Amino acid sequence: TASVFLQGAAFTFDVEKYTTFVLSLRQTPMAPAVAFRTFSHAKKDPEPGAFLITPMHRIVVIEGLYVLLDEGGWRDSVNALDQLVWVECPREVARRRLIARHLKEGVEITLCAAEQRGTAR
């Protein structure tokens, strides 16, 4: 059996804003620039769109835990994507990356605390 290691939940994301963003990339002609939001793990909040996608950007890669979720509003954005790719990595690799991110982002300040937070609940 495959084990899944996820933090967060789909209902905590603003799927309406995400879908609006994805669909805006499909508009012809596309707006002069489309801003995209990032997420601060330290602040636990999305950050306003500091980066822009312009018509000169031919390939846009979108990644995230729920990007391919086949339910509700997520389905609308999935149907607007040209290519879908599922990438798996071993649970321990994902855990090490999560611990490193907690330390880098200042979510935790000690390795012990980051390891504890990085343990599946």
N, C-alpha and C. Protein backbone atom coordinates (compact mmCIF):
# COMPACT_ATOMS: atom_id res chain seq x y z
N THR A 1 0.83 -1.19 0.00
CA THR A 1 0.00 0.00 0.00
C THR A 1 0.87 1.25 0.00
N ALA A 2 0.42 2.24 -0.72
CA ALA A 2 1.15 3.51 -0.77
C ALA A 2 0.78 4.34 0.44
N SER A 3 1.77 4.95 1.05
CA SER A 3 1.46 5.85 2.16
C SER A 3 1.52 7.28 1.66
N VAL A 4 0.64 8.08 2.18
CA VAL A 4 0.54 9.47 1.75
C VAL A 4 0.92 10.35 2.92
N PHE A 5 1.78 11.32 2.68
CA PHE A 5 2.22 12.24 3.71
C PHE A 5 1.82 13.63 3.29
N LEU A 6 0.73 14.14 3.84
CA LEU A 6 0.22 15.45 3.46
C LEU A 6 0.10 16.34 4.68
N GLN A 7 0.41 17.58 4.50
CA GLN A 7 0.15 18.60 5.51
C GLN A 7 -0.89 19.53 4.90
N GLY A 8 -1.74 20.08 5.72
CA GLY A 8 -2.76 20.98 5.20
C GLY A 8 -3.96 20.20 4.70
N ALA A 9 -4.94 20.91 4.20
CA ALA A 9 -6.15 20.28 3.69
C ALA A 9 -6.70 21.15 2.56
N ALA A 10 -7.37 20.51 1.62
CA ALA A 10 -7.88 21.23 0.45
C ALA A 10 -8.80 22.38 0.84
N PHE A 11 -9.61 22.21 1.87
CA PHE A 11 -10.56 23.26 2.24
C PHE A 11 -9.88 24.51 2.79
N THR A 12 -8.59 24.43 3.13
CA THR A 12 -7.89 25.60 3.64
C THR A 12 -7.38 26.51 2.53
N PHE A 13 -7.50 26.08 1.29
CA PHE A 13 -7.03 26.86 0.14
C PHE A 13 -8.20 27.63 -0.46
N ASP A 14 -7.91 28.78 -1.05
CA ASP A 14 -8.94 29.57 -1.73
C ASP A 14 -9.03 29.07 -3.17
N VAL A 15 -9.79 28.00 -3.36
CA VAL A 15 -9.88 27.36 -4.67
C VAL A 15 -10.49 28.30 -5.71
N GLU A 16 -11.36 29.19 -5.29
CA GLU A 16 -11.98 30.13 -6.23
C GLU A 16 -10.93 31.06 -6.83
N LYS A 17 -10.05 31.62 -6.00
CA LYS A 17 -8.98 32.49 -6.51
C LYS A 17 -7.99 31.70 -7.37
N TYR A 18 -7.68 30.50 -6.93
CA TYR A 18 -6.76 29.66 -7.71
C TYR A 18 -7.34 29.36 -9.09
N THR A 19 -8.60 28.97 -9.14
CA THR A 19 -9.24 28.65 -10.42
C THR A 19 -9.31 29.88 -11.31
N THR A 20 -9.63 31.04 -10.74
CA THR A 20 -9.65 32.29 -11.51
C THR A 20 -8.27 32.55 -12.11
N PHE A 21 -7.22 32.31 -11.32
CA PHE A 21 -5.85 32.49 -11.80
C PHE A 21 -5.56 31.56 -12.99
N VAL A 22 -5.86 30.28 -12.83
CA VAL A 22 -5.59 29.31 -13.90
C VAL A 22 -6.37 29.68 -15.16
N LEU A 23 -7.63 29.99 -15.01
CA LEU A 23 -8.46 30.33 -16.18
C LEU A 23 -7.99 31.63 -16.84
N SER A 24 -7.43 32.56 -16.06
CA SER A 24 -6.93 33.81 -16.66
C SER A 24 -5.74 33.54 -17.58
N LEU A 25 -5.02 32.47 -17.32
CA LEU A 25 -3.89 32.12 -18.19
C LEU A 25 -4.37 31.59 -19.54
N ARG A 26 -5.62 31.14 -19.58
CA ARG A 26 -6.19 30.56 -20.80
C ARG A 26 -6.89 31.61 -21.67
N GLN A 27 -7.09 32.80 -21.15
CA GLN A 27 -7.81 33.83 -21.91
C GLN A 27 -7.02 34.24 -23.14
N THR A 28 -7.74 34.45 -24.23
CA THR A 28 -7.10 34.91 -25.46
C THR A 28 -7.76 36.22 -25.87
N PRO A 29 -7.03 37.28 -26.00
CA PRO A 29 -5.61 37.36 -25.62
C PRO A 29 -5.46 37.42 -24.10
N MET A 30 -4.31 36.95 -23.65
CA MET A 30 -4.04 36.98 -22.22
C MET A 30 -3.79 38.43 -21.80
N ALA A 31 -4.12 38.76 -20.58
CA ALA A 31 -3.85 40.10 -20.06
C ALA A 31 -2.35 40.39 -20.19
N PRO A 32 -1.98 41.68 -20.20
CA PRO A 32 -0.55 42.01 -20.32
C PRO A 32 0.31 41.27 -19.28
N ALA A 33 -0.25 41.04 -18.11
CA ALA A 33 0.48 40.30 -17.08
C ALA A 33 -0.54 39.73 -16.08
N VAL A 34 -0.27 38.54 -15.61
CA VAL A 34 -1.10 37.89 -14.60
C VAL A 34 -0.22 37.67 -13.38
N ALA A 35 -0.61 38.24 -12.26
CA ALA A 35 0.16 38.07 -11.02
C ALA A 35 -0.22 36.74 -10.38
N PHE A 36 0.77 36.10 -9.79
CA PHE A 36 0.44 34.89 -9.04
C PHE A 36 0.93 35.00 -7.61
N ARG A 37 0.14 34.41 -6.74
CA ARG A 37 0.43 34.48 -5.31
C ARG A 37 1.41 33.37 -4.93
N THR A 38 2.14 33.61 -3.88
CA THR A 38 3.01 32.60 -3.31
C THR A 38 2.51 32.33 -1.88
N PHE A 39 3.11 31.38 -1.23
CA PHE A 39 2.67 31.05 0.13
C PHE A 39 3.85 31.14 1.07
N SER A 40 3.67 31.83 2.17
CA SER A 40 4.69 31.94 3.20
C SER A 40 4.37 30.92 4.30
N HIS A 41 5.23 29.94 4.45
CA HIS A 41 5.03 28.96 5.52
C HIS A 41 5.27 29.59 6.88
N ALA A 42 6.14 30.58 6.94
CA ALA A 42 6.41 31.25 8.20
C ALA A 42 5.19 32.05 8.66
N LYS A 43 4.54 32.74 7.72
CA LYS A 43 3.36 33.56 8.06
C LYS A 43 2.07 32.75 8.03
N LYS A 44 2.10 31.59 7.40
CA LYS A 44 0.93 30.73 7.23
C LYS A 44 -0.15 31.38 6.37
N ASP A 45 0.29 32.25 5.47
CA ASP A 45 -0.67 32.97 4.63
C ASP A 45 -0.13 33.11 3.21
N PRO A 46 -1.05 33.22 2.25
CA PRO A 46 -0.63 33.54 0.89
C PRO A 46 -0.06 34.95 0.85
N GLU A 47 0.89 35.15 -0.02
CA GLU A 47 1.49 36.46 -0.23
C GLU A 47 0.91 37.03 -1.52
N PRO A 48 0.70 38.34 -1.58
CA PRO A 48 0.18 38.93 -2.83
C PRO A 48 1.09 38.64 -4.01
N GLY A 49 0.53 38.77 -5.20
CA GLY A 49 1.26 38.43 -6.42
C GLY A 49 2.44 39.32 -6.71
N ALA A 50 3.60 38.92 -6.26
CA ALA A 50 4.82 39.68 -6.50
C ALA A 50 5.47 39.31 -7.83
N PHE A 51 5.05 38.20 -8.41
CA PHE A 51 5.63 37.73 -9.65
C PHE A 51 4.57 37.79 -10.75
N LEU A 52 5.03 38.04 -11.97
CA LEU A 52 4.10 38.20 -13.08
C LEU A 52 4.36 37.17 -14.17
N ILE A 53 3.28 36.69 -14.76
CA ILE A 53 3.36 35.84 -15.95
C ILE A 53 2.88 36.71 -17.10
N THR A 54 3.67 36.79 -18.14
CA THR A 54 3.33 37.63 -19.28
C THR A 54 3.14 36.74 -20.52
N PRO A 55 2.59 37.29 -21.60
CA PRO A 55 2.40 36.49 -22.81
C PRO A 55 3.70 35.89 -23.36
N MET A 56 4.86 36.45 -23.00
CA MET A 56 6.13 35.88 -23.49
C MET A 56 6.48 34.57 -22.78
N HIS A 57 5.87 34.31 -21.64
CA HIS A 57 6.09 33.05 -20.93
C HIS A 57 5.27 31.96 -21.61
N ARG A 58 5.93 31.05 -22.25
CA ARG A 58 5.25 30.02 -23.05
C ARG A 58 4.87 28.79 -22.23
N ILE A 59 5.61 28.53 -21.16
CA ILE A 59 5.32 27.37 -20.33
C ILE A 59 5.19 27.83 -18.88
N VAL A 60 4.13 27.44 -18.24
CA VAL A 60 3.90 27.76 -16.84
C VAL A 60 3.72 26.43 -16.10
N VAL A 61 4.53 26.20 -15.10
CA VAL A 61 4.44 24.98 -14.31
C VAL A 61 3.76 25.33 -12.99
N ILE A 62 2.71 24.62 -12.67
CA ILE A 62 1.96 24.83 -11.44
C ILE A 62 2.09 23.55 -10.62
N GLU A 63 2.50 23.69 -9.36
CA GLU A 63 2.61 22.52 -8.51
C GLU A 63 1.90 22.76 -7.20
N GLY A 64 1.49 21.70 -6.57
CA GLY A 64 0.85 21.81 -5.28
C GLY A 64 0.13 20.53 -4.92
N LEU A 65 -0.21 20.41 -3.65
CA LEU A 65 -0.84 19.19 -3.16
C LEU A 65 -2.18 18.90 -3.80
N TYR A 66 -2.95 19.93 -4.12
CA TYR A 66 -4.32 19.71 -4.55
C TYR A 66 -4.59 20.13 -5.98
N VAL A 67 -3.54 20.42 -6.73
CA VAL A 67 -3.68 20.88 -8.12
C VAL A 67 -4.47 19.88 -8.97
N LEU A 68 -4.33 18.59 -8.71
CA LEU A 68 -5.01 17.57 -9.51
C LEU A 68 -6.25 16.99 -8.83
N LEU A 69 -6.72 17.64 -7.78
CA LEU A 69 -7.86 17.13 -7.03
C LEU A 69 -9.12 17.15 -7.90
N ASP A 70 -9.78 16.01 -7.96
CA ASP A 70 -10.97 15.87 -8.82
C ASP A 70 -12.25 16.06 -7.99
N GLU A 71 -12.42 17.28 -7.51
CA GLU A 71 -13.65 17.59 -6.77
C GLU A 71 -13.90 19.09 -6.80
N GLY A 72 -15.15 19.45 -6.65
CA GLY A 72 -15.56 20.85 -6.54
C GLY A 72 -14.86 21.78 -7.51
N GLY A 73 -14.49 22.94 -7.02
CA GLY A 73 -13.85 23.97 -7.83
C GLY A 73 -12.50 23.56 -8.39
N TRP A 74 -11.83 22.63 -7.73
CA TRP A 74 -10.53 22.17 -8.22
C TRP A 74 -10.66 21.55 -9.61
N ARG A 75 -11.76 20.88 -9.86
CA ARG A 75 -11.97 20.20 -11.14
C ARG A 75 -11.93 21.19 -12.31
N ASP A 76 -12.49 22.40 -12.11
CA ASP A 76 -12.49 23.42 -13.17
C ASP A 76 -11.07 23.81 -13.56
N SER A 77 -10.20 23.94 -12.58
CA SER A 77 -8.82 24.31 -12.89
C SER A 77 -8.05 23.14 -13.52
N VAL A 78 -8.32 21.91 -13.05
CA VAL A 78 -7.66 20.74 -13.64
C VAL A 78 -7.99 20.65 -15.13
N ASN A 79 -9.24 20.89 -15.48
CA ASN A 79 -9.66 20.80 -16.88
C ASN A 79 -9.05 21.88 -17.76
N ALA A 80 -8.51 22.95 -17.15
CA ALA A 80 -7.90 24.04 -17.92
C ALA A 80 -6.40 23.81 -18.16
N LEU A 81 -5.84 22.76 -17.57
CA LEU A 81 -4.40 22.49 -17.72
C LEU A 81 -4.15 21.63 -18.95
N ASP A 82 -3.03 21.88 -19.61
CA ASP A 82 -2.69 21.13 -20.82
C ASP A 82 -2.05 19.78 -20.53
N GLN A 83 -1.24 19.72 -19.51
CA GLN A 83 -0.50 18.50 -19.20
C GLN A 83 -0.54 18.28 -17.70
N LEU A 84 -0.77 17.06 -17.30
CA LEU A 84 -0.81 16.72 -15.89
C LEU A 84 0.32 15.72 -15.59
N VAL A 85 1.04 15.98 -14.53
CA VAL A 85 2.15 15.10 -14.14
C VAL A 85 2.04 14.84 -12.65
N TRP A 86 2.09 13.59 -12.26
CA TRP A 86 2.09 13.19 -10.86
C TRP A 86 3.50 12.76 -10.52
N VAL A 87 4.10 13.38 -9.52
CA VAL A 87 5.46 13.04 -9.10
C VAL A 87 5.38 12.47 -7.70
N GLU A 88 5.94 11.30 -7.53
CA GLU A 88 5.99 10.68 -6.21
C GLU A 88 7.41 10.72 -5.69
N CYS A 89 7.52 10.81 -4.39
CA CYS A 89 8.84 10.69 -3.79
C CYS A 89 8.67 9.87 -2.52
N PRO A 90 9.73 9.20 -2.10
CA PRO A 90 9.63 8.39 -0.89
C PRO A 90 9.24 9.24 0.33
N ARG A 91 8.46 8.65 1.19
CA ARG A 91 7.96 9.36 2.38
C ARG A 91 9.10 9.99 3.18
N GLU A 92 10.20 9.28 3.36
CA GLU A 92 11.30 9.81 4.16
C GLU A 92 11.95 11.02 3.48
N VAL A 93 12.02 11.02 2.16
CA VAL A 93 12.56 12.18 1.43
C VAL A 93 11.64 13.39 1.64
N ALA A 94 10.34 13.17 1.52
CA ALA A 94 9.38 14.26 1.74
C ALA A 94 9.49 14.79 3.17
N ARG A 95 9.66 13.90 4.12
CA ARG A 95 9.79 14.31 5.52
C ARG A 95 11.04 15.14 5.73
N ARG A 96 12.18 14.72 5.17
CA ARG A 96 13.43 15.49 5.30
C ARG A 96 13.27 16.87 4.68
N ARG A 97 12.61 16.95 3.54
CA ARG A 97 12.39 18.25 2.88
C ARG A 97 11.50 19.15 3.72
N LEU A 98 10.48 18.56 4.33
CA LEU A 98 9.57 19.33 5.17
C LEU A 98 10.31 19.88 6.39
N ILE A 99 11.13 19.06 7.01
CA ILE A 99 11.91 19.49 8.17
C ILE A 99 12.85 20.63 7.78
N ALA A 100 13.53 20.48 6.65
CA ALA A 100 14.43 21.54 6.19
C ALA A 100 13.67 22.84 5.91
N ARG A 101 12.47 22.72 5.33
CA ARG A 101 11.67 23.92 5.05
C ARG A 101 11.23 24.58 6.34
N HIS A 102 10.83 23.81 7.35
CA HIS A 102 10.43 24.38 8.63
C HIS A 102 11.58 25.18 9.25
N LEU A 103 12.79 24.66 9.13
CA LEU A 103 13.95 25.37 9.68
C LEU A 103 14.27 26.62 8.86
N LYS A 104 14.29 26.49 7.55
CA LYS A 104 14.62 27.62 6.68
C LYS A 104 13.62 28.76 6.81
N GLU A 105 12.33 28.43 6.89
CA GLU A 105 11.27 29.45 6.95
C GLU A 105 11.07 30.00 8.36
N GLY A 106 11.75 29.42 9.34
CA GLY A 106 11.59 29.90 10.70
C GLY A 106 10.32 29.42 11.38
N VAL A 107 9.68 28.40 10.79
CA VAL A 107 8.49 27.83 11.41
C VAL A 107 8.90 27.19 12.74
N GLU A 108 10.06 26.56 12.74
CA GLU A 108 10.66 26.00 13.95
C GLU A 108 12.11 26.46 13.99
N ILE A 109 12.66 26.60 15.18
CA ILE A 109 14.05 27.08 15.26
C ILE A 109 15.04 25.99 15.66
N THR A 110 14.55 24.85 16.14
CA THR A 110 15.45 23.75 16.46
C THR A 110 15.13 22.54 15.60
N LEU A 111 16.15 21.74 15.35
CA LEU A 111 15.98 20.53 14.56
C LEU A 111 14.97 19.59 15.23
N CYS A 112 15.05 19.46 16.55
CA CYS A 112 14.14 18.58 17.28
C CYS A 112 12.68 19.01 17.08
N ALA A 113 12.41 20.29 17.19
CA ALA A 113 11.04 20.79 17.01
C ALA A 113 10.58 20.59 15.57
N ALA A 114 11.49 20.82 14.62
CA ALA A 114 11.12 20.64 13.19
C ALA A 114 10.84 19.17 12.90
N GLU A 115 11.62 18.27 13.49
CA GLU A 115 11.39 16.84 13.30
C GLU A 115 10.05 16.43 13.91
N GLN A 116 9.74 16.97 15.07
CA GLN A 116 8.46 16.64 15.71
C GLN A 116 7.30 17.13 14.84
N ARG A 117 7.41 18.36 14.33
CA ARG A 117 6.35 18.93 13.48
C ARG A 117 6.24 18.14 12.18
N GLY A 118 7.36 17.60 11.70
CA GLY A 118 7.39 16.87 10.43
C GLY A 118 6.93 15.44 10.51
N THR A 119 6.45 15.02 11.68
CA THR A 119 5.95 13.66 11.85
C THR A 119 4.46 13.65 11.56
N ALA A 120 4.04 12.68 10.72
CA ALA A 120 2.61 12.58 10.36
C ALA A 120 1.76 12.47 11.62
N ARG A 121 0.62 13.12 11.55
CA ARG A 121 -0.29 13.13 12.71
C ARG A 121 -1.29 12.02 12.59
